[in-house]
Protein backbone atom coordinates (compact mmCIF):
# COMPACT_ATOMS: atom_id res chain seq x y z
CA MET A 1 14.39 -5.37 -2.27
CA SER A 2 14.04 -7.85 -5.13
CA ASP A 3 14.66 -10.75 -2.71
CA LEU A 4 11.82 -9.51 -0.51
CA ALA A 5 9.51 -9.05 -3.50
CA LYS A 6 10.34 -12.59 -4.65
CA GLN A 7 9.52 -13.94 -1.19
CA VAL A 8 6.14 -12.19 -1.31
CA LEU A 9 5.39 -13.63 -4.75
CA ASP A 10 6.48 -17.14 -3.73
CA ALA A 11 4.36 -17.02 -0.56
CA ALA A 12 1.29 -15.77 -2.45
CA GLN A 13 1.72 -18.38 -5.15
CA ALA A 14 2.10 -21.16 -2.56
CA CYS A 15 -1.33 -20.36 -1.12
CA GLY A 16 -2.95 -19.47 -4.45
CA TRP A 17 -3.47 -15.80 -3.58
CA GLN A 18 -3.65 -12.78 -5.87
CA ILE A 19 -2.22 -9.40 -4.79
CA ALA A 20 -3.46 -5.84 -5.39
CA THR A 21 -1.76 -2.60 -4.39
CA ALA A 22 -3.24 0.82 -3.62
CA GLU A 23 -0.53 3.45 -3.60
CA SER A 24 -0.35 7.17 -3.09
CA CYS A 25 3.05 8.48 -1.96
CA THR A 26 4.89 5.51 -3.49
CA GLY A 27 3.35 6.15 -6.91
CA GLY A 28 3.28 2.50 -7.99
CA LEU A 29 6.69 1.47 -6.68
CA VAL A 30 5.31 -1.50 -4.72
CA ALA A 31 3.59 -2.84 -7.84
CA ALA A 32 6.79 -2.18 -9.79
CA ALA A 33 8.91 -4.07 -7.23
CA LEU A 34 6.60 -7.06 -7.53
CA THR A 35 6.27 -6.98 -11.31
CA ASP A 36 10.03 -6.63 -11.79
CA ILE A 37 10.20 -10.33 -10.88
CA PRO A 38 9.66 -12.77 -13.78
CA GLY A 39 6.49 -14.80 -13.30
CA SER A 40 4.81 -12.16 -11.15
CA SER A 41 1.73 -12.25 -13.39
CA ALA A 42 0.78 -15.49 -11.65
CA VAL A 43 -0.06 -13.56 -8.46
CA VAL A 44 -0.17 -9.80 -9.13
CA ASP A 45 -3.70 -8.87 -10.15
CA ARG A 46 -3.42 -5.07 -10.35
CA GLY A 47 -2.12 -1.88 -8.83
CA PHE A 48 -3.93 1.39 -8.22
CA VAL A 49 -1.99 4.65 -8.13
CA THR A 50 -4.37 7.08 -6.47
CA TYR A 51 -2.45 10.24 -5.78
CA SER A 52 -5.33 12.71 -5.70
CA TYR A 53 -8.47 12.79 -3.55
CA PRO A 54 -10.74 12.33 -6.59
CA SER A 55 -8.79 9.25 -7.72
CA LYS A 56 -9.05 7.69 -4.25
CA VAL A 57 -12.82 8.20 -4.34
CA ALA A 58 -13.37 7.10 -7.97
CA MET A 59 -11.00 4.15 -8.16
CA LEU A 60 -11.08 2.77 -4.62
CA GLY A 61 -14.34 4.04 -3.17
CA VAL A 62 -12.64 6.00 -0.41
CA SER A 63 -15.22 8.14 1.34
CA GLN A 64 -15.04 11.86 0.60
CA ALA A 65 -16.16 12.38 4.19
CA SER A 66 -13.12 10.43 5.43
CA LEU A 67 -10.81 12.49 3.24
CA ASP A 68 -12.38 15.74 4.44
CA ALA A 69 -12.29 14.74 8.11
CA HIS A 70 -8.91 13.00 8.29
CA GLY A 71 -6.98 13.87 5.13
CA ALA A 72 -5.37 11.40 2.76
CA VAL A 73 -2.50 10.73 5.18
CA SER A 74 -4.46 8.85 7.83
CA ASP A 75 -5.17 5.42 9.22
CA VAL A 76 -8.81 5.72 8.14
CA VAL A 77 -7.95 6.43 4.50
CA ALA A 78 -5.22 3.77 4.35
CA ARG A 79 -7.75 1.20 5.54
CA GLU A 80 -10.35 2.38 3.03
CA MET A 81 -7.76 2.23 0.25
CA ALA A 82 -6.84 -1.37 1.11
CA ARG A 83 -10.48 -2.44 1.33
CA GLY A 84 -11.23 -0.65 -1.95
CA ALA A 85 -8.33 -2.32 -3.76
CA LEU A 86 -9.57 -5.68 -2.55
CA ARG A 87 -13.16 -4.93 -3.60
CA MET A 88 -12.19 -3.54 -7.02
CA SER A 89 -9.91 -6.46 -7.94
CA ARG A 90 -9.74 -10.24 -8.01
CA ALA A 91 -7.13 -10.13 -5.26
CA ASP A 92 -7.12 -12.06 -2.01
CA ILE A 93 -4.86 -9.52 -0.30
CA ALA A 94 -4.27 -5.80 -0.82
CA VAL A 95 -1.74 -3.39 0.61
CA ALA A 96 -2.24 0.39 0.77
CA ILE A 97 0.28 3.17 1.34
CA THR A 98 -0.41 6.87 1.87
CA GLY A 99 1.94 9.41 3.38
CA VAL A 100 4.13 12.48 3.17
CA ALA A 101 7.25 11.55 1.21
CA GLY A 102 8.50 15.13 1.21
CA PRO A 103 9.77 17.63 0.98
CA GLY A 104 7.54 19.48 3.38
CA GLY A 105 4.71 18.35 5.55
CA SER A 106 3.15 19.96 8.58
CA GLU A 107 3.44 19.78 12.35
CA GLU A 108 0.50 17.34 12.41
CA LYS A 109 1.66 15.36 9.37
CA PRO A 110 5.43 15.72 9.09
CA GLU A 111 7.65 14.61 6.25
CA GLY A 112 8.24 10.89 6.53
CA LEU A 113 4.85 10.02 8.08
CA VAL A 114 3.42 7.05 6.17
CA HIS A 115 0.25 5.05 6.86
CA PHE A 116 0.00 1.41 5.76
CA ALA A 117 -2.91 -1.03 5.63
CA VAL A 118 -3.30 -4.63 4.54
CA ALA A 119 -6.70 -6.20 3.91
CA THR A 120 -7.77 -9.74 3.11
CA HIS A 121 -11.29 -11.08 2.87
CA GLY A 122 -11.07 -12.07 6.52
CA SER A 123 -8.86 -9.52 8.25
CA GLU A 124 -7.41 -6.04 8.18
CA MET A 125 -4.50 -4.32 9.85
CA ALA A 126 -3.09 -0.82 9.71
CA HIS A 127 -0.40 1.24 11.33
CA HIS A 128 1.89 4.15 10.60
CA ILE A 129 5.60 4.80 10.68
CA GLU A 130 7.40 8.10 11.06
CA PHE A 131 10.51 7.60 8.96
CA GLY A 132 11.55 11.21 9.52
CA PRO A 133 12.84 13.71 6.97
CA LEU A 134 15.06 11.24 5.10
CA GLY A 135 14.32 12.82 1.75
CA ARG A 136 11.67 11.86 -0.78
CA ALA A 137 13.50 8.94 -2.41
CA GLN A 138 14.47 7.36 0.91
CA VAL A 139 10.97 7.68 2.42
CA ARG A 140 9.48 6.08 -0.68
CA ALA A 141 12.06 3.26 -0.70
CA ALA A 142 11.53 2.57 3.01
CA SER A 143 7.77 2.57 2.43
CA VAL A 144 8.04 0.02 -0.38
CA GLU A 145 10.17 -2.25 1.77
CA HIS A 146 7.76 -1.99 4.68
CA ALA A 147 4.73 -2.65 2.47
CA LEU A 148 6.39 -5.79 1.10
CA GLU A 149 7.21 -6.94 4.64
CA MET A 150 3.57 -6.42 5.64
CA LEU A 151 2.36 -8.45 2.68
CA LEU A 152 4.75 -11.27 3.47
CA SER A 153 3.75 -11.32 7.13
CA ALA A 154 0.02 -11.26 6.34
CA ILE A 155 0.33 -14.08 3.81
CA ALA A 156 2.41 -16.16 6.25
CA HIS A 157 -0.22 -15.70 8.97
CA ARG A 158 -3.25 -16.43 6.80
C-alpha cells in the first residue's frame, strides 16, 4: 500500500496538485496512508473524518435532505462529500469514501458495500464496490487501496 500511496503523491506533486480526503468508514486511513510517506506535506492539504450525519453536514456541507433520502452509504452522499472536501480545502482533487465496513449491514446495504467519489475542479466520478463480508479490517483496507487507485487514475487523466 505504501508504494501506491507514494505513486499518488509523486503524481500529484508532478502536476502541482493538492489532495484532500473525506472519509467515513475508513476513519482517516486514506489520509494516514498518504501522510505515512515522508514529504507528503507537499501535496496533502487535509483530511476530513466525517463518521456521523452531523459531521458530514457541518464539515463538508452534505445536504441533510440527501442523507435523509439516501442514507450516508450512497452515491449521492459520496459525491457530496468529495465536492465538500474540495470546496472546504485548498485541494485540487478530493476522494470520498462511505460504506458499511461491518459487521452487520442490511439487505439493501450489506456489509462490504462501499461508495467512492473523486472530484476535481473540472470533473467528478463515483461508483461503488461490494467487497462482501470480508470483515471490518479487510473491507477498510480494500477501500483504502481502491481510493488510492482512484486518486492515481484521476491525476493521471487530468
